[in-house]
Structures are given as C-alpha cells and as structure tokens.
Amino acid sequence: MKEEIEIAVKWWLEQFNIRNKHNTGESFSSALANYVDSKQPPVTDEQKKEFGEVLTCLLPDYLKASNWDEAIAKDKKDIGSALRTLSTDYDACGILRAAAQTAGINYCSTIFPQKTVMWINPGEVKVSKGYGANIEYIYKKNGN
C-alpha cells in the first residue's frame, strides 16, 4: 500500500504545476476552467509539502475501508476498485479537498484537473485525466 500511496500523492502534487490542465469535454467550459485556474495564486512549495503529507496520512484508512486486500490483488484487483478512487468532476472529492484546505491552499474547483479519476488498487495506480480520456497506468507492480 505504501508504494501505491507514494505514487498517487506524487501524481496529484505534479498537477499543481500544470497549466491548461482541464478537459471537460466541451471547449467553452474547458477554456473557462483553464482561465480561472490561471488566475489562482500559485501553490507554494510549503503548501505542496503539507498537502502531500496530509494526503499520505489520510489515504491508508481510506483505502483500508474500501476492501483493500493484497491477497486477492493478483487475480481480482478490481474488487472494490470503485471505492478506491480519488476523483474530480467539476469539483474534487472530499479527501482531495480536505488535504488542500488543511494545507492552506486557496481552494478553487479548478485547482485539480476536472473530469479525472484515479484508481488506487493493490499493485497498481491508474488515471483517466480529462473527459473521455484513456486510462493510463502510472504504477503497475511487477507480476500484476
């Protein structure tokens, strides 16, 4: 679980550095989200560090509560997968929002890429970033 959490947190931290990151599936709302995001104050290194620490602390209990079972990971890693997501539609899920607010980040719905889902499963972390985007594996443990 530790590796998966480290990879997931690192990916979300990288999103603070990306401009024009929104793809809502509609050009006007994507452009508007990117414009609003460009007007937000930059997230400081200290805020990023605290966000990462808070998210790292919150994720173990969150994942354990969602049927995290490494014993079945090789054959049935998708069991409970829908419960092990970090996501944004036009707003971020509660765990991302809580980590941002705790870190003192000026929270706005565009701080994270919209229409994004991350699945954190035993032995893998995958992301679909943006409307209709393909799922990309950002971590896959050998043997899975």
N, C-alpha and C. Protein backbone atom coordinates (compact mmCIF):
# COMPACT_ATOMS: atom_id res chain seq x y z
N MET A 1 0.83 -1.20 0.00
CA MET A 1 0.00 0.00 0.00
C MET A 1 0.87 1.26 0.00
N LYS A 2 2.01 1.16 0.64
CA LYS A 2 2.88 2.35 0.75
C LYS A 2 3.32 2.85 -0.63
N GLU A 3 3.73 1.92 -1.49
CA GLU A 3 4.18 2.32 -2.83
C GLU A 3 3.06 2.99 -3.62
N GLU A 4 1.88 2.39 -3.57
CA GLU A 4 0.75 2.92 -4.31
C GLU A 4 0.40 4.33 -3.83
N ILE A 5 0.44 4.53 -2.51
CA ILE A 5 0.14 5.85 -1.95
C ILE A 5 1.19 6.87 -2.39
N GLU A 6 2.46 6.51 -2.32
CA GLU A 6 3.52 7.43 -2.74
C GLU A 6 3.35 7.86 -4.20
N ILE A 7 3.04 6.91 -5.06
CA ILE A 7 2.85 7.21 -6.49
C ILE A 7 1.63 8.11 -6.68
N ALA A 8 0.54 7.79 -6.01
CA ALA A 8 -0.69 8.57 -6.14
C ALA A 8 -0.47 10.01 -5.66
N VAL A 9 0.13 10.17 -4.51
CA VAL A 9 0.36 11.52 -3.96
C VAL A 9 1.28 12.31 -4.88
N LYS A 10 2.33 11.68 -5.37
CA LYS A 10 3.25 12.36 -6.28
C LYS A 10 2.51 12.86 -7.52
N TRP A 11 1.63 12.05 -8.07
CA TRP A 11 0.89 12.45 -9.27
C TRP A 11 0.02 13.68 -8.98
N TRP A 12 -0.71 13.67 -7.86
CA TRP A 12 -1.56 14.81 -7.53
C TRP A 12 -0.72 16.05 -7.27
N LEU A 13 0.44 15.90 -6.66
CA LEU A 13 1.32 17.06 -6.44
C LEU A 13 1.78 17.65 -7.77
N GLU A 14 2.07 16.81 -8.74
CA GLU A 14 2.51 17.30 -10.06
C GLU A 14 1.43 18.14 -10.74
N GLN A 15 0.18 17.89 -10.42
CA GLN A 15 -0.91 18.62 -11.07
C GLN A 15 -0.91 20.11 -10.71
N PHE A 16 -0.33 20.45 -9.57
CA PHE A 16 -0.24 21.87 -9.18
C PHE A 16 0.64 22.66 -10.14
N ASN A 17 1.54 21.99 -10.84
CA ASN A 17 2.49 22.66 -11.72
C ASN A 17 2.03 22.74 -13.17
N ILE A 18 0.87 22.19 -13.48
CA ILE A 18 0.42 22.12 -14.86
C ILE A 18 -0.65 23.17 -15.11
N ARG A 19 -0.44 23.98 -16.12
CA ARG A 19 -1.45 24.95 -16.56
C ARG A 19 -2.18 24.35 -17.76
N ASN A 20 -3.35 24.86 -18.04
CA ASN A 20 -4.19 24.35 -19.13
C ASN A 20 -4.40 22.84 -19.00
N LYS A 21 -4.78 22.44 -17.80
CA LYS A 21 -4.91 21.02 -17.50
C LYS A 21 -6.33 20.49 -17.62
N HIS A 22 -7.28 21.34 -17.96
CA HIS A 22 -8.69 20.94 -17.92
C HIS A 22 -9.23 20.54 -19.28
N ASN A 23 -9.88 19.39 -19.31
CA ASN A 23 -10.60 18.92 -20.49
C ASN A 23 -11.94 18.41 -19.99
N THR A 24 -12.96 19.25 -20.11
CA THR A 24 -14.29 18.90 -19.61
C THR A 24 -15.15 18.26 -20.69
N GLY A 25 -14.62 18.14 -21.89
CA GLY A 25 -15.39 17.59 -22.99
C GLY A 25 -16.13 18.65 -23.79
N GLU A 26 -16.01 19.88 -23.38
CA GLU A 26 -16.69 20.99 -24.07
C GLU A 26 -15.72 22.16 -24.09
N SER A 27 -15.47 22.73 -25.23
CA SER A 27 -14.40 23.71 -25.38
C SER A 27 -14.58 24.96 -24.50
N PHE A 28 -15.80 25.48 -24.41
CA PHE A 28 -16.00 26.69 -23.62
C PHE A 28 -15.74 26.44 -22.14
N SER A 29 -16.31 25.37 -21.58
CA SER A 29 -16.10 25.12 -20.16
C SER A 29 -14.65 24.75 -19.85
N SER A 30 -13.97 24.08 -20.79
CA SER A 30 -12.54 23.79 -20.60
C SER A 30 -11.74 25.08 -20.58
N ALA A 31 -12.03 25.97 -21.54
CA ALA A 31 -11.31 27.26 -21.60
C ALA A 31 -11.58 28.09 -20.36
N LEU A 32 -12.82 28.09 -19.91
CA LEU A 32 -13.17 28.85 -18.71
C LEU A 32 -12.45 28.29 -17.48
N ALA A 33 -12.43 26.97 -17.34
CA ALA A 33 -11.73 26.35 -16.21
C ALA A 33 -10.24 26.66 -16.25
N ASN A 34 -9.65 26.61 -17.44
CA ASN A 34 -8.22 26.93 -17.56
C ASN A 34 -7.96 28.40 -17.25
N TYR A 35 -8.87 29.28 -17.65
CA TYR A 35 -8.72 30.71 -17.34
C TYR A 35 -8.80 30.94 -15.83
N VAL A 36 -9.81 30.38 -15.20
CA VAL A 36 -9.96 30.54 -13.74
C VAL A 36 -8.73 29.99 -13.03
N ASP A 37 -8.26 28.83 -13.47
CA ASP A 37 -7.07 28.23 -12.87
C ASP A 37 -5.85 29.15 -13.01
N SER A 38 -5.72 29.82 -14.15
CA SER A 38 -4.57 30.70 -14.37
C SER A 38 -4.58 31.92 -13.46
N LYS A 39 -5.73 32.26 -12.91
CA LYS A 39 -5.86 33.44 -12.04
C LYS A 39 -5.68 33.09 -10.56
N GLN A 40 -5.54 31.82 -10.26
CA GLN A 40 -5.36 31.41 -8.87
C GLN A 40 -3.93 31.69 -8.41
N PRO A 41 -3.76 32.03 -7.14
CA PRO A 41 -2.39 32.22 -6.65
C PRO A 41 -1.64 30.90 -6.72
N PRO A 42 -0.35 30.96 -7.02
CA PRO A 42 0.41 29.71 -7.11
C PRO A 42 0.47 29.01 -5.76
N VAL A 43 0.49 27.70 -5.82
CA VAL A 43 0.63 26.89 -4.61
C VAL A 43 2.10 26.89 -4.24
N THR A 44 2.39 27.27 -3.01
CA THR A 44 3.79 27.36 -2.58
C THR A 44 4.37 25.97 -2.34
N ASP A 45 5.68 25.90 -2.31
CA ASP A 45 6.35 24.63 -2.01
C ASP A 45 5.94 24.12 -0.63
N GLU A 46 5.80 25.02 0.32
CA GLU A 46 5.39 24.62 1.67
C GLU A 46 3.97 24.04 1.66
N GLN A 47 3.08 24.65 0.91
CA GLN A 47 1.71 24.14 0.80
C GLN A 47 1.68 22.78 0.11
N LYS A 48 2.49 22.63 -0.93
CA LYS A 48 2.56 21.34 -1.62
C LYS A 48 3.05 20.26 -0.67
N LYS A 49 4.07 20.59 0.10
CA LYS A 49 4.62 19.63 1.04
C LYS A 49 3.56 19.20 2.05
N GLU A 50 2.84 20.18 2.60
CA GLU A 50 1.81 19.85 3.58
C GLU A 50 0.66 19.08 2.94
N PHE A 51 0.25 19.47 1.74
CA PHE A 51 -0.79 18.73 1.03
C PHE A 51 -0.38 17.26 0.89
N GLY A 52 0.85 17.03 0.44
CA GLY A 52 1.34 15.66 0.27
C GLY A 52 1.35 14.89 1.57
N GLU A 53 1.77 15.54 2.64
CA GLU A 53 1.81 14.88 3.95
C GLU A 53 0.40 14.54 4.43
N VAL A 54 -0.53 15.47 4.27
CA VAL A 54 -1.91 15.23 4.71
C VAL A 54 -2.54 14.11 3.89
N LEU A 55 -2.39 14.17 2.58
CA LEU A 55 -2.97 13.14 1.73
C LEU A 55 -2.36 11.77 2.05
N THR A 56 -1.07 11.74 2.29
CA THR A 56 -0.39 10.50 2.66
C THR A 56 -0.94 9.94 3.96
N CYS A 57 -1.28 10.79 4.89
CA CYS A 57 -1.85 10.35 6.18
C CYS A 57 -3.29 9.88 6.04
N LEU A 58 -4.05 10.51 5.16
CA LEU A 58 -5.47 10.17 5.00
C LEU A 58 -5.69 8.89 4.19
N LEU A 59 -4.83 8.62 3.25
CA LEU A 59 -5.08 7.52 2.32
C LEU A 59 -5.08 6.11 2.92
N PRO A 60 -4.21 5.77 3.88
CA PRO A 60 -4.26 4.38 4.38
C PRO A 60 -5.63 3.98 4.94
N ASP A 61 -6.22 4.80 5.78
CA ASP A 61 -7.54 4.46 6.34
C ASP A 61 -8.60 4.45 5.25
N TYR A 62 -8.51 5.40 4.33
CA TYR A 62 -9.45 5.48 3.21
C TYR A 62 -9.40 4.19 2.38
N LEU A 63 -8.20 3.74 2.08
CA LEU A 63 -8.05 2.54 1.25
C LEU A 63 -8.43 1.28 2.02
N LYS A 64 -8.06 1.20 3.28
CA LYS A 64 -8.41 0.01 4.09
C LYS A 64 -9.92 -0.13 4.23
N ALA A 65 -10.63 0.98 4.27
CA ALA A 65 -12.09 0.95 4.40
C ALA A 65 -12.78 0.53 3.10
N SER A 66 -12.01 0.37 2.04
CA SER A 66 -12.59 0.07 0.72
C SER A 66 -12.16 -1.29 0.18
N ASN A 67 -12.10 -2.27 1.04
CA ASN A 67 -11.78 -3.64 0.64
C ASN A 67 -10.36 -3.81 0.09
N TRP A 68 -9.40 -3.09 0.65
CA TRP A 68 -8.01 -3.27 0.23
C TRP A 68 -7.57 -4.65 0.70
N ASP A 69 -7.23 -5.52 -0.20
CA ASP A 69 -6.83 -6.87 0.16
C ASP A 69 -5.73 -7.32 -0.78
N GLU A 70 -4.50 -7.27 -0.29
CA GLU A 70 -3.36 -7.63 -1.14
C GLU A 70 -3.35 -9.11 -1.51
N ALA A 71 -4.03 -9.93 -0.72
CA ALA A 71 -4.06 -11.36 -1.00
C ALA A 71 -4.79 -11.67 -2.30
N ILE A 72 -5.80 -10.87 -2.64
CA ILE A 72 -6.54 -11.12 -3.88
C ILE A 72 -6.06 -10.25 -5.04
N ALA A 73 -5.07 -9.42 -4.77
CA ALA A 73 -4.64 -8.42 -5.76
C ALA A 73 -4.19 -9.03 -7.09
N LYS A 74 -3.53 -10.17 -7.05
CA LYS A 74 -3.01 -10.73 -8.30
C LYS A 74 -4.12 -11.13 -9.26
N ASP A 75 -5.20 -11.69 -8.74
CA ASP A 75 -6.25 -12.20 -9.61
C ASP A 75 -7.46 -11.29 -9.73
N LYS A 76 -7.77 -10.57 -8.66
CA LYS A 76 -9.03 -9.81 -8.64
C LYS A 76 -8.82 -8.40 -8.09
N LYS A 77 -7.86 -7.69 -8.62
CA LYS A 77 -7.52 -6.36 -8.09
C LYS A 77 -8.64 -5.34 -8.24
N ASP A 78 -9.57 -5.58 -9.13
CA ASP A 78 -10.65 -4.63 -9.35
C ASP A 78 -11.79 -4.75 -8.33
N ILE A 79 -11.77 -5.78 -7.50
CA ILE A 79 -12.82 -5.90 -6.48
C ILE A 79 -12.69 -4.71 -5.53
N GLY A 80 -13.73 -3.93 -5.43
CA GLY A 80 -13.72 -2.74 -4.57
C GLY A 80 -13.05 -1.53 -5.19
N SER A 81 -12.61 -1.64 -6.43
CA SER A 81 -11.87 -0.57 -7.09
C SER A 81 -12.64 0.74 -7.13
N ALA A 82 -13.94 0.67 -7.33
CA ALA A 82 -14.75 1.89 -7.40
C ALA A 82 -14.73 2.66 -6.09
N LEU A 83 -14.44 1.97 -5.00
CA LEU A 83 -14.37 2.62 -3.69
C LEU A 83 -12.99 3.22 -3.42
N ARG A 84 -12.01 2.84 -4.20
CA ARG A 84 -10.63 3.32 -4.00
C ARG A 84 -10.25 4.35 -5.05
N THR A 85 -11.08 5.36 -5.20
CA THR A 85 -10.81 6.38 -6.20
C THR A 85 -10.60 7.74 -5.56
N LEU A 86 -9.79 8.53 -6.23
CA LEU A 86 -9.69 9.96 -5.97
C LEU A 86 -10.16 10.59 -7.27
N SER A 87 -11.13 11.49 -7.18
CA SER A 87 -11.72 11.97 -8.42
C SER A 87 -12.10 13.44 -8.36
N THR A 88 -12.24 13.97 -9.55
CA THR A 88 -12.77 15.32 -9.73
C THR A 88 -13.76 15.26 -10.87
N ASP A 89 -14.85 15.94 -10.69
CA ASP A 89 -15.76 16.15 -11.80
C ASP A 89 -15.59 17.64 -12.10
N TYR A 90 -16.50 18.45 -11.65
CA TYR A 90 -16.26 19.89 -11.69
C TYR A 90 -15.73 20.36 -10.33
N ASP A 91 -15.69 19.46 -9.39
CA ASP A 91 -15.14 19.72 -8.06
C ASP A 91 -14.42 18.46 -7.61
N ALA A 92 -13.52 18.62 -6.68
CA ALA A 92 -12.73 17.49 -6.19
C ALA A 92 -13.49 16.69 -5.14
N CYS A 93 -13.13 15.43 -5.02
CA CYS A 93 -13.71 14.59 -3.98
C CYS A 93 -13.26 15.11 -2.60
N GLY A 94 -13.95 14.67 -1.60
CA GLY A 94 -13.71 15.18 -0.24
C GLY A 94 -12.30 15.03 0.26
N ILE A 95 -11.64 13.93 -0.02
CA ILE A 95 -10.29 13.70 0.51
C ILE A 95 -9.28 14.66 -0.12
N LEU A 96 -9.41 14.93 -1.42
CA LEU A 96 -8.52 15.90 -2.07
C LEU A 96 -8.80 17.31 -1.56
N ARG A 97 -10.07 17.64 -1.45
CA ARG A 97 -10.46 18.96 -0.96
C ARG A 97 -9.98 19.17 0.48
N ALA A 98 -10.13 18.16 1.32
CA ALA A 98 -9.70 18.27 2.72
C ALA A 98 -8.19 18.46 2.82
N ALA A 99 -7.43 17.72 2.02
CA ALA A 99 -5.97 17.86 2.04
C ALA A 99 -5.56 19.25 1.59
N ALA A 100 -6.21 19.77 0.55
CA ALA A 100 -5.88 21.11 0.05
C ALA A 100 -6.21 22.17 1.10
N GLN A 101 -7.38 22.08 1.69
CA GLN A 101 -7.78 23.08 2.68
C GLN A 101 -6.92 23.02 3.93
N THR A 102 -6.57 21.82 4.37
CA THR A 102 -5.70 21.68 5.53
C THR A 102 -4.32 22.29 5.27
N ALA A 103 -3.87 22.18 4.03
CA ALA A 103 -2.56 22.72 3.65
C ALA A 103 -2.60 24.24 3.44
N GLY A 104 -3.76 24.83 3.59
CA GLY A 104 -3.88 26.28 3.42
C GLY A 104 -3.87 26.73 1.98
N ILE A 105 -4.21 25.82 1.08
CA ILE A 105 -4.25 26.15 -0.33
C ILE A 105 -5.56 26.87 -0.61
N ASN A 106 -5.47 27.98 -1.33
CA ASN A 106 -6.66 28.73 -1.71
C ASN A 106 -7.49 27.84 -2.62
N TYR A 107 -8.44 27.13 -2.01
CA TYR A 107 -9.17 26.11 -2.75
C TYR A 107 -10.13 26.70 -3.76
N CYS A 108 -10.06 26.19 -4.95
CA CYS A 108 -10.96 26.53 -6.04
C CYS A 108 -11.20 25.23 -6.80
N SER A 109 -12.37 25.09 -7.38
CA SER A 109 -12.69 23.83 -8.06
C SER A 109 -11.75 23.52 -9.22
N THR A 110 -10.99 24.51 -9.68
CA THR A 110 -10.07 24.27 -10.80
C THR A 110 -8.65 23.94 -10.35
N ILE A 111 -8.43 23.79 -9.06
CA ILE A 111 -7.07 23.52 -8.59
C ILE A 111 -6.58 22.14 -9.05
N PHE A 112 -7.52 21.22 -9.23
CA PHE A 112 -7.19 19.88 -9.73
C PHE A 112 -7.82 19.73 -11.12
N PRO A 113 -7.24 18.86 -11.96
CA PRO A 113 -7.79 18.68 -13.30
C PRO A 113 -9.22 18.12 -13.23
N GLN A 114 -10.12 18.77 -13.94
CA GLN A 114 -11.51 18.35 -13.93
C GLN A 114 -11.71 17.08 -14.75
N LYS A 115 -12.77 16.36 -14.41
CA LYS A 115 -13.12 15.12 -15.11
C LYS A 115 -11.99 14.09 -15.04
N THR A 116 -11.46 13.89 -13.85
CA THR A 116 -10.33 13.00 -13.64
C THR A 116 -10.66 11.96 -12.59
N VAL A 117 -10.23 10.72 -12.83
CA VAL A 117 -10.41 9.65 -11.86
C VAL A 117 -9.08 8.92 -11.70
N MET A 118 -8.71 8.68 -10.44
CA MET A 118 -7.54 7.86 -10.13
C MET A 118 -8.03 6.65 -9.33
N TRP A 119 -7.64 5.46 -9.78
CA TRP A 119 -7.93 4.24 -9.05
C TRP A 119 -6.64 3.79 -8.37
N ILE A 120 -6.73 3.51 -7.08
CA ILE A 120 -5.59 3.03 -6.31
C ILE A 120 -5.93 1.62 -5.84
N ASN A 121 -5.34 0.64 -6.49
CA ASN A 121 -5.59 -0.76 -6.18
C ASN A 121 -4.30 -1.42 -5.73
N PRO A 122 -4.41 -2.54 -5.02
CA PRO A 122 -3.18 -3.25 -4.66
C PRO A 122 -2.36 -3.58 -5.91
N GLY A 123 -1.16 -3.07 -5.96
CA GLY A 123 -0.26 -3.35 -7.08
C GLY A 123 -0.41 -2.47 -8.30
N GLU A 124 -1.31 -1.47 -8.26
CA GLU A 124 -1.45 -0.60 -9.42
C GLU A 124 -2.11 0.73 -9.04
N VAL A 125 -1.74 1.74 -9.82
CA VAL A 125 -2.39 3.04 -9.74
C VAL A 125 -2.62 3.46 -11.18
N LYS A 126 -3.86 3.82 -11.49
CA LYS A 126 -4.18 4.23 -12.86
C LYS A 126 -5.04 5.47 -12.83
N VAL A 127 -4.94 6.25 -13.93
CA VAL A 127 -5.60 7.55 -14.00
C VAL A 127 -6.26 7.73 -15.37
N SER A 128 -7.42 8.34 -15.35
CA SER A 128 -8.06 8.85 -16.55
C SER A 128 -8.18 10.35 -16.31
N LYS A 129 -7.40 11.14 -17.04
CA LYS A 129 -7.32 12.58 -16.80
C LYS A 129 -8.04 13.33 -17.92
N GLY A 130 -9.22 13.85 -17.61
CA GLY A 130 -9.98 14.62 -18.58
C GLY A 130 -11.14 13.83 -19.15
N TYR A 131 -12.08 14.55 -19.72
CA TYR A 131 -13.30 13.96 -20.27
C TYR A 131 -12.98 12.90 -21.31
N GLY A 132 -13.48 11.69 -21.09
CA GLY A 132 -13.32 10.62 -22.06
C GLY A 132 -11.90 10.14 -22.26
N ALA A 133 -10.99 10.51 -21.37
CA ALA A 133 -9.59 10.14 -21.54
C ALA A 133 -9.38 8.65 -21.32
N ASN A 134 -8.38 8.12 -21.99
CA ASN A 134 -7.98 6.74 -21.77
C ASN A 134 -7.42 6.57 -20.37
N ILE A 135 -7.50 5.36 -19.87
CA ILE A 135 -6.91 5.04 -18.57
C ILE A 135 -5.43 4.74 -18.79
N GLU A 136 -4.60 5.41 -18.00
CA GLU A 136 -3.15 5.20 -18.08
C GLU A 136 -2.66 4.64 -16.75
N TYR A 137 -1.84 3.62 -16.82
CA TYR A 137 -1.22 3.09 -15.61
C TYR A 137 -0.03 3.97 -15.27
N ILE A 138 -0.02 4.49 -14.06
CA ILE A 138 1.15 5.26 -13.62
C ILE A 138 2.01 4.42 -12.68
N TYR A 139 1.47 3.28 -12.26
CA TYR A 139 2.24 2.33 -11.46
C TYR A 139 1.61 0.97 -11.65
N LYS A 140 2.45 0.00 -11.93
CA LYS A 140 2.00 -1.38 -12.02
C LYS A 140 3.11 -2.26 -11.49
N LYS A 141 2.84 -2.88 -10.37
CA LYS A 141 3.83 -3.74 -9.73
C LYS A 141 4.13 -4.93 -10.60
N ASN A 142 5.37 -5.31 -10.66
CA ASN A 142 5.76 -6.49 -11.46
C ASN A 142 4.97 -7.70 -11.00
N GLY A 143 4.52 -8.48 -11.94
CA GLY A 143 3.75 -9.66 -11.64
C GLY A 143 2.26 -9.42 -11.65
N ASN A 144 1.83 -8.16 -11.73
CA ASN A 144 0.39 -7.87 -11.80
C ASN A 144 -0.03 -7.59 -13.21
